[in-house]
Amino acid sequence: MRGLKAAVIVMGVLIVAGVAVIIVTLITRVAAPQGALAEMVLDEPAGTSIAAVSGPPERLVVQLKGGGPDRAVVLDLGRGRRIGGVALAR
């Protein structure tokens, strides 16, 4: 009976500690300042212009036209780098 009582107490403490860790993690992530926008340079041919910009907060999709086939470039704003892109056939 004592073993069962000890096991219940230990499991209760673990549950309380786990919930505390989750709460602290959520508060830390919400309160953390967002990283500054990194400076990016798109190495595109002369005559290229931005047609549209869209995307979720952490990514940016830039639609480019001119200087070759129309294309879309995906940028990671947090790391300041190009993730990928796609060329659109004419």
Protein backbone atom coordinates (compact mmCIF):
# COMPACT_ATOMS: atom_id res chain seq x y z
CA MET A 1 0.00 0.00 0.00
CA ARG A 2 2.89 2.36 0.79
CA GLY A 3 4.44 1.66 -2.62
CA LEU A 4 1.22 2.56 -4.38
CA LYS A 5 0.89 5.75 -2.37
CA ALA A 6 4.49 6.74 -3.19
CA ALA A 7 3.96 6.00 -6.90
CA VAL A 8 0.82 8.17 -7.00
CA ILE A 9 2.66 11.05 -5.29
CA VAL A 10 5.64 10.78 -7.66
CA MET A 11 3.38 10.70 -10.73
CA GLY A 12 1.43 13.70 -9.44
CA VAL A 13 4.67 15.66 -9.00
CA LEU A 14 5.77 14.69 -12.53
CA ILE A 15 2.46 15.87 -13.99
CA VAL A 16 2.72 19.22 -12.18
CA ALA A 17 6.36 19.63 -13.29
CA GLY A 18 5.47 18.77 -16.90
CA VAL A 19 2.64 21.30 -16.99
CA ALA A 20 4.98 23.94 -15.52
CA VAL A 21 7.56 23.26 -18.24
CA ILE A 22 4.90 23.59 -20.96
CA ILE A 23 3.65 26.89 -19.53
CA VAL A 24 7.17 28.35 -19.20
CA THR A 25 8.00 27.27 -22.77
CA LEU A 26 4.84 28.88 -24.17
CA ILE A 27 5.45 32.13 -22.28
CA THR A 28 9.08 32.23 -23.42
CA ARG A 29 8.19 31.69 -27.08
CA VAL A 30 5.38 34.23 -27.08
CA ALA A 31 7.40 36.88 -25.23
CA ALA A 32 10.58 36.42 -27.29
CA PRO A 33 11.20 39.33 -29.65
CA GLN A 34 10.99 38.50 -33.32
CA GLY A 35 14.33 38.48 -35.10
CA ALA A 36 15.28 41.49 -37.16
CA LEU A 37 14.74 41.19 -40.88
CA ALA A 38 17.96 40.14 -42.54
CA GLU A 39 19.22 42.09 -45.52
CA MET A 40 18.84 40.17 -48.77
CA VAL A 41 20.08 40.77 -52.28
CA LEU A 42 18.43 38.94 -55.17
CA ASP A 43 20.99 38.31 -57.89
CA GLU A 44 18.68 38.72 -60.86
CA PRO A 45 19.42 39.84 -64.43
CA ALA A 46 19.06 43.47 -65.50
CA GLY A 47 15.51 44.40 -66.47
CA THR A 48 13.93 42.29 -63.73
CA SER A 49 11.06 43.86 -61.81
CA ILE A 50 8.89 42.72 -58.93
CA ALA A 51 5.37 41.85 -60.10
CA ALA A 52 3.88 40.76 -56.74
CA VAL A 53 4.80 39.83 -53.19
CA SER A 54 2.92 37.39 -50.94
CA GLY A 55 3.40 34.63 -48.38
CA PRO A 56 3.08 33.70 -44.72
CA PRO A 57 4.88 35.80 -42.08
CA GLU A 58 8.09 33.74 -42.00
CA ARG A 59 8.36 33.33 -45.78
CA LEU A 60 8.12 35.69 -48.71
CA VAL A 61 7.15 34.75 -52.26
CA VAL A 62 8.36 37.33 -54.78
CA GLN A 63 7.03 37.13 -58.34
CA LEU A 64 9.55 38.52 -60.81
CA LYS A 65 9.13 39.43 -64.47
CA GLY A 66 11.48 40.64 -67.15
CA GLY A 67 15.14 39.75 -67.54
CA GLY A 68 14.18 36.26 -68.71
CA PRO A 69 11.15 34.05 -68.10
CA ASP A 70 8.70 35.12 -65.40
CA ARG A 71 9.52 33.41 -62.12
CA ALA A 72 8.68 33.16 -58.44
CA VAL A 73 11.33 33.16 -55.70
CA VAL A 74 10.71 31.93 -52.13
CA LEU A 75 12.70 33.68 -49.39
CA ASP A 76 13.20 32.75 -45.72
CA LEU A 77 12.89 36.05 -43.83
CA GLY A 78 14.32 34.75 -40.56
CA ARG A 79 17.56 33.49 -42.07
CA GLY A 80 17.77 35.97 -44.91
CA ARG A 81 18.28 33.41 -47.65
CA ARG A 82 16.67 32.13 -50.80
CA ILE A 83 14.85 28.83 -50.25
CA GLY A 84 13.85 28.08 -53.82
CA GLY A 85 12.08 29.25 -56.89
CA VAL A 86 10.24 28.26 -60.01
CA ALA A 87 10.50 29.58 -63.57
CA LEU A 88 7.20 30.04 -65.41
CA ALA A 89 7.25 29.00 -69.06
CA ARG A 90 5.85 31.41 -71.59
